[in-house]
Amino acid sequence: MSLLYNLFEAQHAALAPMRFMAELSRGWFGHPFSPLSQTPLAKEITAGSDLFLRVTNRYEKPAWDIDSTVVDGREVPIEIEVVLDKPFCTLIHFKRESGNASDPKILVVAPLSGHHATLLRDTVRTMLPANDVYLTDWVDARMVPIEEGPFHFDDYVDYIRMFVRQLSPDLNVVSVCQPTVPVLAAISLMAADGEPNPPKTMIMMGGPIDARKSPTSVNNLATKRPYSWFEQNVIHRVPMKYPGFMRRVYPGFLQHLGFVAMNPDRHMNAHWDYYNHLVQNDGDSADAHRRFYNEYNAVLDMPAEYYLDTIRRVFQDFELPKGRMFVKEQWVRPAKITKTALFTIEGEHDDISGNGQTEAAHGLCTGLPEAKREHFLVPDVGHYGIFSGRRYREIVYPRMREFIAKHA
């Protein structure tokens, strides 16, 4: 099925003349040297044109915008270097020019669930002053040639194992949202195989370890529809204009529609407020809106195999909590983990991963003594608040740092 994807591309092309006129209108009526720019009508035309351009824009992957950090009171530059470059993921390092050699080494496993890894910009930026940070930067599947083959859930687990081996010893692994399941599977398999230098800690934030607990609208969607519905209705082939031509994907634009559909009133109000901010020359509020939606609207295509595997294995069959997960015929047994300390973090008002879903990891990791476990329910925050924003910086991260210091 590629018709819908092609229609989406055709629609964007058809909007080009209207976008051109909107750009002209914004220029004519909004230029600061224009005598019309300060009239009420000109402000409304400029604001309307700007809003139309943003709503119809195609948002590419945002820049990291992490050029420096402060280490021991001194600003030092950051260089983003590639450690491993795989077809579906690039392992990157936020290399500090100087830092304490004893600073903890952290691998942040970003979600492959629609948004780019740059969604974790605040997560990384907060860690950098006192940690040596690496991150999984997932590749937009439409940019991966079909010759590279499929990418399944098991391949994701293999990637994590490869990255952990590359960065060991003395590694701490932080997984955010969706990757908590494959990360727990990867560390379980490494423990069962007796691999040396296991991670010192694994910190799991807002993920569906056991999606049966406190089910959200995301969980309900996956359980109320059969596997075949997802395969027939949301999987499409990449159009000819991209390197991944003919690859089966869950398109980013469909994922974005799903994100918006979860809270349509909130997004409608946000855009209406943005229009009013422009009319009122409230530049700070308008800039805040742009920063948020530049990231929120930038989505990537997911490999169809990985998406469908996740739907079936995580949200329908609950393989991990039921003890029935196998990765390439190897049984995943979290009870085999005895050396990697576990810290689970949930948001009180998380509407994506319900309360108890991440905490369920403790019931699976029975080989860990109580001294190596901790759970934190963050009060008054939703899903994004546990890894981004003021409460993350002031409440969550200090707890993470203490946990790592205690066990590493």
Protein backbone atom coordinates (compact mmCIF):
# COMPACT_ATOMS: atom_id res chain seq x y z
CA MET A 1 0.00 0.00 0.00
CA SER A 2 1.62 3.23 -1.13
CA LEU A 3 -1.36 5.17 -2.49
CA LEU A 4 -1.96 7.13 0.71
CA TYR A 5 1.70 8.09 1.00
CA ASN A 6 1.70 9.29 -2.61
CA LEU A 7 -1.50 11.26 -1.99
CA PHE A 8 0.14 12.92 0.99
CA GLU A 9 3.11 13.95 -1.17
CA ALA A 10 0.77 15.19 -3.91
CA GLN A 11 -1.23 17.24 -1.39
CA HIS A 12 1.93 18.95 -0.18
CA ALA A 13 2.89 19.75 -3.77
CA ALA A 14 -0.60 21.11 -4.47
CA LEU A 15 -0.30 23.49 -1.52
CA ALA A 16 2.86 25.07 -2.94
CA PRO A 17 1.06 27.94 -4.77
CA MET A 18 -0.97 28.82 -1.66
CA ARG A 19 2.15 28.70 0.50
CA PHE A 20 3.87 31.03 -1.96
CA MET A 21 1.01 33.53 -1.70
CA ALA A 22 1.05 33.28 2.10
CA GLU A 23 4.78 34.05 2.10
CA LEU A 24 4.14 37.08 -0.11
CA SER A 25 1.36 38.29 2.17
CA ARG A 26 3.52 37.88 5.24
CA GLY A 27 6.26 39.85 3.54
CA TRP A 28 4.00 42.65 2.24
CA PHE A 29 2.04 43.21 5.42
CA GLY A 30 4.54 42.13 8.05
CA HIS A 31 7.79 43.78 7.01
CA PRO A 32 8.85 46.26 9.73
CA PHE A 33 9.56 48.98 7.14
CA SER A 34 6.14 48.62 5.53
CA PRO A 35 3.80 51.56 6.38
CA LEU A 36 0.97 49.01 6.61
CA SER A 37 2.62 46.72 9.15
CA GLN A 38 1.24 48.47 12.25
CA THR A 39 -2.40 48.56 11.15
CA PRO A 40 -4.78 46.06 12.80
CA LEU A 41 -5.76 44.50 9.47
CA ALA A 42 -2.11 44.03 8.42
CA LYS A 43 -1.30 42.32 11.72
CA GLU A 44 -4.20 39.90 11.26
CA ILE A 45 -3.19 39.11 7.66
CA THR A 46 0.43 38.59 8.71
CA ALA A 47 -0.56 36.36 11.62
CA GLY A 48 -2.95 34.32 9.48
CA SER A 49 -0.33 33.87 6.76
CA ASP A 50 2.28 32.79 9.27
CA LEU A 51 -0.08 30.30 10.90
CA PHE A 52 -1.03 28.81 7.51
CA LEU A 53 2.65 28.36 6.61
CA ARG A 54 3.38 26.59 9.87
CA VAL A 55 0.35 24.29 9.71
CA THR A 56 1.19 23.23 6.13
CA ASN A 57 4.96 23.02 6.61
CA ARG A 58 7.05 19.83 6.35
CA TYR A 59 9.23 19.71 9.44
CA GLU A 60 12.64 18.14 9.08
CA LYS A 61 14.75 16.74 11.92
CA PRO A 62 15.66 19.65 14.23
CA ALA A 63 19.26 20.48 15.09
CA TRP A 64 20.59 19.43 18.46
CA ASP A 65 21.65 22.99 19.31
CA ILE A 66 24.01 21.69 21.99
CA ASP A 67 27.26 23.51 21.31
CA SER A 68 28.63 23.83 24.82
CA THR A 69 28.11 22.96 28.46
CA VAL A 70 29.49 24.09 31.80
CA VAL A 71 31.99 21.81 33.56
CA ASP A 72 33.29 22.86 36.97
CA GLY A 73 32.11 26.42 36.39
CA ARG A 74 33.78 26.73 32.99
CA GLU A 75 32.06 26.70 29.62
CA VAL A 76 33.45 23.99 27.34
CA PRO A 77 32.52 23.20 23.73
CA ILE A 78 30.61 20.07 22.73
CA GLU A 79 31.42 18.08 19.61
CA ILE A 80 28.84 15.55 18.40
CA GLU A 81 30.83 12.63 17.04
CA VAL A 82 29.68 9.36 15.46
CA VAL A 83 30.79 6.26 17.35
CA LEU A 84 28.94 3.63 15.30
CA ASP A 85 26.99 4.18 12.10
CA LYS A 86 24.45 1.44 11.44
CA PRO A 87 21.77 1.43 8.71
CA PHE A 88 18.91 2.16 11.13
CA CYS A 89 20.71 3.96 13.97
CA THR A 90 23.73 6.13 14.62
CA LEU A 91 25.39 5.91 18.01
CA ILE A 92 26.56 9.45 18.79
CA HIS A 93 28.76 10.90 21.51
CA PHE A 94 28.37 14.38 22.99
CA LYS A 95 32.09 14.81 23.42
CA ARG A 96 33.19 17.46 25.89
CA GLU A 97 36.49 19.20 25.32
CA SER A 98 37.31 18.67 28.97
CA GLY A 99 35.69 16.89 31.86
CA ASN A 100 36.37 14.75 34.86
CA ALA A 101 37.64 11.31 33.83
CA SER A 102 35.58 9.82 36.67
CA ASP A 103 32.30 11.25 35.37
CA PRO A 104 29.72 8.50 34.81
CA LYS A 105 29.33 7.18 31.28
CA ILE A 106 25.68 7.15 30.19
CA LEU A 107 24.02 5.61 27.14
CA VAL A 108 20.65 7.28 26.53
CA VAL A 109 18.43 5.00 24.45
CA ALA A 110 15.99 7.25 22.62
CA PRO A 111 12.58 5.97 21.55
CA LEU A 112 11.90 4.82 18.00
CA SER A 113 8.25 5.81 18.12
CA GLY A 114 7.64 8.74 15.81
CA HIS A 115 9.71 11.68 16.96
CA HIS A 116 13.40 12.17 16.35
CA ALA A 117 15.92 11.61 19.12
CA THR A 118 16.27 15.39 19.42
CA LEU A 119 13.12 15.21 21.55
CA LEU A 120 15.57 14.28 24.33
CA ARG A 121 17.59 17.49 23.92
CA ASP A 122 16.74 18.67 27.43
CA THR A 123 17.51 15.21 28.83
CA VAL A 124 20.98 15.30 27.33
CA ARG A 125 21.71 18.96 28.02
CA THR A 126 20.96 18.48 31.73
CA MET A 127 23.26 15.46 31.96
CA LEU A 128 26.25 16.92 30.16
CA PRO A 129 27.91 18.99 32.92
CA ALA A 130 28.58 15.93 35.06
CA ASN A 131 28.35 12.93 32.68
CA ASP A 132 29.90 11.48 29.54
CA VAL A 133 26.79 11.08 27.36
CA TYR A 134 26.11 8.81 24.35
CA LEU A 135 22.78 8.46 22.53
CA THR A 136 20.98 6.30 19.97
CA ASP A 137 20.00 8.54 17.06
CA TRP A 138 17.48 6.52 15.04
CA VAL A 139 17.38 6.96 11.27
CA ASP A 140 14.21 7.88 9.38
CA ALA A 141 13.25 4.58 7.68
CA ARG A 142 12.32 6.35 4.43
CA MET A 143 16.01 7.23 4.11
CA VAL A 144 17.22 3.61 4.45
CA PRO A 145 17.52 1.77 1.09
CA ILE A 146 15.46 -1.39 0.89
CA GLU A 147 18.68 -3.31 0.17
CA GLU A 148 19.57 -2.94 3.85
CA GLY A 149 16.82 -5.42 4.66
CA PRO A 150 14.06 -5.32 7.30
CA PHE A 151 14.40 -4.12 10.89
CA HIS A 152 12.58 -6.17 13.50
CA PHE A 153 12.20 -5.96 17.27
CA ASP A 154 14.97 -8.56 17.57
CA ASP A 155 17.27 -6.35 15.50
CA TYR A 156 16.59 -3.47 17.90
CA VAL A 157 17.67 -5.70 20.81
CA ASP A 158 20.82 -6.67 18.88
CA TYR A 159 21.65 -3.00 18.33
CA ILE A 160 21.37 -2.30 22.06
CA ARG A 161 23.64 -5.23 22.90
CA MET A 162 26.16 -4.01 20.33
CA PHE A 163 26.13 -0.47 21.72
CA VAL A 164 26.48 -1.66 25.32
CA ARG A 165 29.49 -3.80 24.38
CA GLN A 166 31.02 -0.88 22.49
CA LEU A 167 30.75 1.47 25.49
CA SER A 168 31.53 -0.94 28.34
CA PRO A 169 32.85 -1.13 31.00
CA ASP A 170 31.35 1.15 33.65
CA LEU A 171 28.28 2.03 31.61
CA ASN A 172 24.90 3.28 32.80
CA VAL A 173 21.90 2.82 30.49
CA VAL A 174 18.94 5.22 30.46
CA SER A 175 15.93 4.19 28.35
CA VAL A 176 13.07 6.60 27.71
CA CYS A 177 9.56 5.30 26.98
CA GLN A 178 9.29 2.64 24.27
CA PRO A 179 12.88 1.27 24.44
CA THR A 180 12.49 0.14 28.06
CA VAL A 181 11.25 -3.23 26.74
CA PRO A 182 14.07 -4.01 24.26
CA VAL A 183 16.66 -2.59 26.67
CA LEU A 184 15.48 -4.89 29.47
CA ALA A 185 15.51 -7.77 26.98
CA ALA A 186 19.05 -6.93 25.84
CA ILE A 187 20.48 -6.67 29.37
CA SER A 188 18.66 -9.87 30.37
CA LEU A 189 20.20 -11.79 27.48
CA MET A 190 23.67 -10.41 28.22
CA ALA A 191 23.30 -11.49 31.85
CA ALA A 192 22.12 -14.96 30.83
CA ASP A 193 25.13 -15.31 28.52
CA GLY A 194 27.47 -14.27 31.32
CA GLU A 195 28.92 -11.42 29.29
CA PRO A 196 31.58 -9.44 31.17
CA ASN A 197 31.16 -5.82 32.21
CA PRO A 198 27.36 -5.57 32.45
CA PRO A 199 25.93 -2.06 32.84
CA LYS A 200 26.23 -0.65 36.35
CA THR A 201 22.69 0.69 36.28
CA MET A 202 19.60 0.66 34.08
CA ILE A 203 17.23 3.58 34.48
CA MET A 204 13.83 3.10 32.83
CA MET A 205 11.56 6.09 32.32
CA GLY A 206 7.87 5.86 31.43
CA GLY A 207 7.91 2.65 29.38
CA PRO A 208 5.44 -0.21 28.72
CA ILE A 209 7.21 -3.07 30.51
CA ASP A 210 3.74 -4.43 31.36
CA ALA A 211 1.15 -2.62 29.26
CA ARG A 212 -1.69 -4.41 31.07
CA LYS A 213 -1.35 -2.13 34.09
CA SER A 214 -3.32 1.16 34.12
CA PRO A 215 -4.00 0.99 30.37
CA THR A 216 -4.06 4.30 28.51
CA SER A 217 -5.63 5.28 25.19
CA VAL A 218 -2.44 4.11 23.48
CA ASN A 219 -2.77 0.66 25.07
CA ASN A 220 -6.49 0.46 24.32
CA LEU A 221 -5.96 1.22 20.63
CA ALA A 222 -3.52 -1.69 20.37
CA THR A 223 -5.74 -4.16 22.19
CA LYS A 224 -9.11 -3.29 20.64
CA ARG A 225 -7.96 -3.82 17.06
CA PRO A 226 -6.49 -7.04 15.66
CA TYR A 227 -2.91 -7.23 14.43
CA SER A 228 -4.18 -7.50 10.84
CA TRP A 229 -5.88 -4.09 11.11
CA PHE A 230 -2.56 -2.36 11.79
CA GLU A 231 -0.84 -4.20 8.96
CA GLN A 232 -3.60 -3.36 6.49
CA ASN A 233 -4.33 0.25 7.50
CA VAL A 234 -1.18 2.01 8.73
CA ILE A 235 1.63 0.32 6.79
CA HIS A 236 2.62 1.90 3.48
CA ARG A 237 5.52 1.84 1.05
CA VAL A 238 7.92 4.75 0.70
CA PRO A 239 7.42 6.75 -2.53
CA MET A 240 10.01 6.93 -5.29
CA LYS A 241 11.51 10.30 -4.28
CA TYR A 242 13.22 8.88 -1.17
CA PRO A 243 16.24 6.56 -0.79
CA GLY A 244 14.03 4.02 0.98
CA PHE A 245 11.76 3.63 -2.09
CA MET A 246 9.42 0.64 -1.65
CA ARG A 247 10.39 0.02 1.98
CA ARG A 248 7.37 -0.79 4.18
CA VAL A 249 6.96 1.82 6.92
CA TYR A 250 4.56 3.32 9.40
CA PRO A 251 4.65 6.85 7.93
CA GLY A 252 5.51 9.79 10.15
CA PHE A 253 2.53 11.83 8.96
CA LEU A 254 0.12 9.13 10.18
CA GLN A 255 1.88 9.01 13.52
CA HIS A 256 1.60 12.79 13.79
CA LEU A 257 -2.14 12.60 13.14
CA GLY A 258 -2.35 10.08 15.97
CA PHE A 259 -0.44 12.37 18.34
CA VAL A 260 -2.74 15.30 17.57
CA ALA A 261 -5.89 13.15 17.80
CA MET A 262 -5.06 12.31 21.42
CA ASN A 263 -5.54 15.97 22.46
CA PRO A 264 -7.12 17.87 19.53
CA ASP A 265 -8.59 20.68 21.64
CA ARG A 266 -5.24 21.44 23.25
CA HIS A 267 -3.51 21.74 19.87
CA MET A 268 -6.31 23.83 18.40
CA ASN A 269 -6.13 26.22 21.33
CA ALA A 270 -2.35 26.39 21.09
CA HIS A 271 -2.53 27.48 17.45
CA TRP A 272 -5.27 30.00 18.18
CA ASP A 273 -3.15 31.42 20.99
CA TYR A 274 -0.17 31.60 18.61
CA TYR A 275 -2.25 33.63 16.13
CA ASN A 276 -3.24 36.05 18.91
CA HIS A 277 0.34 36.35 20.12
CA LEU A 278 1.40 37.39 16.62
CA VAL A 279 -1.39 39.95 16.38
CA GLN A 280 -0.42 41.35 19.78
CA ASN A 281 3.32 41.39 18.98
CA ASP A 282 3.99 38.99 21.85
CA GLY A 283 7.23 37.69 20.39
CA ASP A 284 8.35 35.64 23.40
CA SER A 285 5.15 33.58 23.54
CA ALA A 286 5.20 33.09 19.75
CA ASP A 287 8.82 31.92 19.89
CA ALA A 288 7.97 29.43 22.64
CA HIS A 289 5.18 28.03 20.45
CA ARG A 290 7.56 27.70 17.49
CA ARG A 291 10.22 25.92 19.53
CA PHE A 292 7.74 23.37 20.86
CA TYR A 293 6.02 22.63 17.55
CA ASN A 294 9.23 22.61 15.50
CA GLU A 295 10.11 19.53 17.55
CA TYR A 296 6.61 18.09 17.98
CA ASN A 297 5.80 18.28 14.26
CA ALA A 298 9.09 16.70 13.14
CA VAL A 299 8.41 12.99 12.76
CA LEU A 300 10.13 10.05 11.11
CA ASP A 301 8.92 6.91 9.37
CA MET A 302 9.25 3.73 11.43
CA PRO A 303 10.25 0.38 9.90
CA ALA A 304 7.03 -1.59 9.46
CA GLU A 305 8.53 -4.77 10.91
CA TYR A 306 9.58 -3.12 14.15
CA TYR A 307 6.29 -1.28 14.59
CA LEU A 308 4.18 -4.38 13.98
CA ASP A 309 6.40 -6.51 16.22
CA THR A 310 5.97 -3.97 19.01
CA ILE A 311 2.19 -3.88 18.60
CA ARG A 312 1.93 -7.66 18.81
CA ARG A 313 4.66 -8.55 21.29
CA VAL A 314 4.45 -5.61 23.71
CA PHE A 315 0.85 -4.37 23.55
CA GLN A 316 -1.15 -7.45 22.55
CA ASP A 317 0.68 -10.60 23.67
CA PHE A 318 2.53 -9.01 26.65
CA GLU A 319 5.41 -11.40 26.03
CA LEU A 320 7.88 -9.89 28.51
CA PRO A 321 5.72 -9.80 31.67
CA LYS A 322 4.27 -13.22 30.83
CA GLY A 323 7.76 -14.72 30.54
CA ARG A 324 7.21 -15.70 26.91
CA MET A 325 9.63 -13.40 25.08
CA PHE A 326 12.24 -14.96 22.82
CA VAL A 327 14.81 -13.00 20.82
CA LYS A 328 16.20 -15.06 17.96
CA GLU A 329 15.17 -18.24 19.79
CA GLN A 330 16.84 -17.18 23.06
CA TRP A 331 14.57 -16.94 26.09
CA VAL A 332 14.50 -13.50 27.73
CA ARG A 333 14.72 -13.95 31.52
CA PRO A 334 15.08 -10.69 33.48
CA ALA A 335 15.59 -12.77 36.64
CA LYS A 336 19.09 -13.51 35.32
CA ILE A 337 20.09 -9.88 35.98
CA THR A 338 22.01 -9.83 39.26
CA LYS A 339 24.58 -7.03 38.89
CA THR A 340 22.82 -4.15 37.11
CA ALA A 341 20.92 -1.91 39.53
CA LEU A 342 17.37 -0.96 38.46
CA PHE A 343 15.71 2.45 38.80
CA THR A 344 12.22 2.93 37.36
CA ILE A 345 10.61 6.35 36.94
CA GLU A 346 6.97 7.15 36.17
CA GLY A 347 4.94 10.35 35.90
CA GLU A 348 1.85 10.66 38.06
CA HIS A 349 -0.25 11.94 35.13
CA ASP A 350 1.37 9.98 32.30
CA ASP A 351 -1.27 9.41 29.62
CA ILE A 352 0.99 7.28 27.40
CA SER A 353 2.54 4.74 29.80
CA GLY A 354 0.18 4.29 32.73
CA ASN A 355 1.27 4.04 36.35
CA GLY A 356 2.68 0.64 37.18
CA GLN A 357 3.74 -0.25 33.62
CA THR A 358 7.40 0.66 34.17
CA GLU A 359 7.45 -0.33 37.83
CA ALA A 360 6.55 -3.84 36.67
CA ALA A 361 10.23 -4.35 35.82
CA HIS A 362 10.91 -4.91 39.53
CA GLY A 363 8.60 -7.90 39.57
CA LEU A 364 10.56 -9.42 36.69
CA CYS A 365 14.10 -8.70 37.93
CA THR A 366 13.83 -11.06 40.89
CA GLY A 367 17.57 -11.74 40.88
CA LEU A 368 18.27 -8.24 42.13
CA PRO A 369 18.38 -7.58 45.87
CA GLU A 370 16.24 -4.77 47.26
CA ALA A 371 19.34 -2.64 47.74
CA LYS A 372 19.79 -2.52 43.96
CA ARG A 373 16.26 -1.36 43.19
CA GLU A 374 14.40 1.91 43.38
CA HIS A 375 11.14 3.33 42.02
CA PHE A 376 10.10 6.97 41.77
CA LEU A 377 6.59 8.20 40.96
CA VAL A 378 7.10 11.84 39.98
CA PRO A 379 4.23 13.98 41.30
CA ASP A 380 2.25 16.33 39.06
CA VAL A 381 3.96 15.49 35.75
CA GLY A 382 2.84 13.82 32.55
CA HIS A 383 4.80 11.70 30.11
CA TYR A 384 7.16 14.35 28.77
CA GLY A 385 7.71 15.89 32.19
CA ILE A 386 9.73 12.93 33.43
CA PHE A 387 12.52 13.56 30.92
CA SER A 388 12.14 17.21 29.90
CA GLY A 389 11.36 20.54 31.51
CA ARG A 390 11.80 22.16 34.89
CA ARG A 391 10.60 19.25 37.03
CA TYR A 392 12.93 16.88 35.20
CA ARG A 393 15.87 19.20 35.79
CA GLU A 394 15.04 19.98 39.42
CA ILE A 395 13.47 16.75 40.71
CA VAL A 396 14.02 13.76 38.41
CA TYR A 397 17.61 14.23 37.26
CA PRO A 398 19.02 14.76 40.80
CA ARG A 399 17.46 11.40 41.81
CA MET A 400 18.98 9.74 38.74
CA ARG A 401 22.37 11.21 39.52
CA GLU A 402 22.23 9.99 43.11
CA PHE A 403 21.24 6.49 41.99
CA ILE A 404 24.12 6.28 39.51
CA ALA A 405 26.60 7.57 42.08
CA LYS A 406 25.40 5.00 44.60
CA HIS A 407 25.71 2.00 42.29
CA ALA A 408 28.47 2.97 39.86
